[in-house]
Protein backbone atom coordinates (compact mmCIF):
# COMPACT_ATOMS: atom_id res chain seq x y z
CA MET A 1 0.00 0.01 0.00
CA VAL A 2 1.21 3.49 -0.83
CA VAL A 3 0.69 4.81 2.68
CA ASP A 4 2.87 2.02 4.09
CA TYR A 5 5.72 3.17 1.89
CA LEU A 6 5.01 6.83 2.66
CA GLU A 7 5.23 6.03 6.34
CA THR A 8 8.82 4.87 5.90
CA GLN A 9 9.80 8.13 4.20
CA LEU A 10 8.27 10.74 6.51
CA ARG A 11 9.77 12.47 9.54
CA GLU A 12 8.27 11.80 12.96
CA ASP A 13 7.64 15.48 13.67
CA GLY A 14 5.44 16.39 10.75
CA LEU A 15 6.60 18.42 7.77
CA ILE A 16 8.77 16.66 5.17
CA PHE A 17 11.55 19.23 5.00
CA GLY A 18 10.91 21.02 8.31
CA ALA A 19 9.05 23.91 6.70
CA LEU A 20 5.86 23.81 4.66
CA SER A 21 6.55 22.84 1.05
CA ILE A 22 4.77 21.68 -2.08
CA ALA A 23 5.74 18.17 -1.07
CA ASP A 24 3.65 18.42 2.11
CA LEU A 25 0.71 20.00 0.24
CA SER A 26 0.75 17.35 -2.47
CA ILE A 27 0.44 14.57 0.08
CA VAL A 28 -2.08 16.27 2.36
CA SER A 29 -4.34 17.27 -0.55
CA TYR A 30 -4.91 13.58 -1.24
CA PHE A 31 -6.09 13.06 2.34
CA ARG A 32 -8.24 16.19 2.21
CA THR A 33 -9.96 14.76 -0.83
CA ALA A 34 -10.36 11.39 0.84
CA PHE A 35 -11.97 13.22 3.76
CA PHE A 36 -14.75 14.34 1.39
CA ALA A 37 -15.56 10.65 0.99
CA HIS A 38 -15.66 10.25 4.79
CA HIS A 39 -12.23 8.54 4.98
CA ALA A 40 -10.00 9.27 7.91
CA ILE A 41 -6.37 8.22 8.23
CA ASP A 42 -5.67 5.47 10.78
CA ALA A 43 -3.30 7.33 13.07
CA GLU A 44 -2.35 4.18 14.98
CA ARG A 45 -1.28 2.38 11.82
CA TRP A 46 0.24 5.39 10.03
CA LEU A 47 1.56 7.61 12.82
CA ARG A 48 3.95 9.71 10.69
CA THR A 49 1.48 10.24 7.89
CA ALA A 50 -1.21 11.27 10.37
CA ALA A 51 1.29 13.70 11.98
CA LEU A 52 2.01 15.27 8.60
CA VAL A 53 -1.69 15.58 7.72
CA GLY A 54 -2.52 16.98 11.13
CA CYS A 55 0.34 19.47 11.08
CA VAL A 56 -0.59 20.88 7.68
CA GLN A 57 -4.33 20.89 8.37
CA ALA A 58 -3.76 22.83 11.59
CA MET A 59 -2.16 25.77 9.70
CA PRO A 60 -4.41 28.86 9.61
CA ALA A 61 -4.17 29.29 5.82
CA ILE A 62 -5.17 25.63 5.28
CA GLN A 63 -8.01 25.94 7.75
CA LYS A 64 -9.28 29.00 5.89
CA LEU A 65 -9.22 27.11 2.60
CA ALA A 66 -10.98 24.12 4.24
CA ARG A 67 -13.78 26.41 5.47
CA GLN A 68 -14.24 27.75 1.93
CA GLU A 69 -14.31 24.22 0.53
CA ASP A 70 -16.76 23.02 3.19
CA CYS A 71 -19.21 25.88 2.51
CA MET A 72 -19.82 24.74 -1.05
CA LEU A 73 -18.89 21.07 -0.93
CA ARG A 74 -22.38 19.65 -1.36
CA LEU A 75 -23.97 22.49 -3.27
CA PRO A 76 -25.03 22.28 -6.88
CA LEU A 77 -22.42 23.76 -9.21
CA ALA A 78 -24.66 26.77 -9.96
CA LYS A 79 -24.65 27.78 -6.26
CA GLN A 80 -20.98 27.20 -5.45
CA ARG A 81 -19.68 30.54 -6.69
CA GLY A 82 -22.14 32.47 -4.52
CA ALA A 83 -21.30 30.39 -1.50
CA LEU A 84 -17.59 31.00 -2.02
CA ILE A 85 -18.12 34.72 -2.35
CA ALA A 86 -20.18 34.73 0.85
CA ALA A 87 -17.37 32.90 2.58
CA GLY A 88 -14.87 35.58 1.54
CA ALA A 89 -13.02 33.57 -1.12
CA PRO A 90 -10.99 35.84 -3.42
CA LEU A 91 -12.70 35.13 -6.71
CA SER A 92 -12.46 36.95 -10.02
CA SER A 93 -15.26 39.32 -10.93
CA GLU A 94 -16.41 37.00 -13.68
CA THR A 95 -16.41 33.26 -13.88
CA MET A 96 -14.31 31.57 -16.49
CA GLY A 97 -16.57 28.53 -16.39
CA THR A 98 -18.75 27.65 -19.35
CA ARG A 99 -21.26 24.95 -20.06
CA ARG A 100 -19.01 23.69 -22.83
CA GLY A 101 -15.51 22.39 -22.17
CA ARG A 102 -12.52 24.25 -23.61
CA CYS A 103 -9.36 22.74 -24.92
CA CYS A 104 -6.18 23.99 -23.36
CA ARG A 105 -4.13 25.83 -26.02
CA VAL A 106 -1.04 23.83 -25.17
CA LEU A 107 -2.88 20.61 -25.86
CA ARG A 108 -4.59 21.99 -28.95
CA ASP A 109 -1.20 22.94 -30.45
CA TRP A 110 0.48 19.68 -29.43
CA PRO A 111 2.14 18.01 -32.44
């Protein structure tokens, strides 16, 4: 299992390199997404991984983002923008979303 391997690579005290990095965020974002499906990490089995997740999730900036996610998590797509604005999320004045998908220019120009 991936988490078994991860457990052998993590520090005991939380953050991977001692200060918050993209490495920490990339791992913790997986567990945040799993949380949406009502999955919680087994802290007894994966002590170091749970420490990392807990350390990052306790940070004020991450808690602020989590509150914004939580406010719109189970809303229909049409209501999510309004909920995020009400929660103080820094959104653009206009949405870039459309009913029809758009191809990324990089992919469109790919040989």
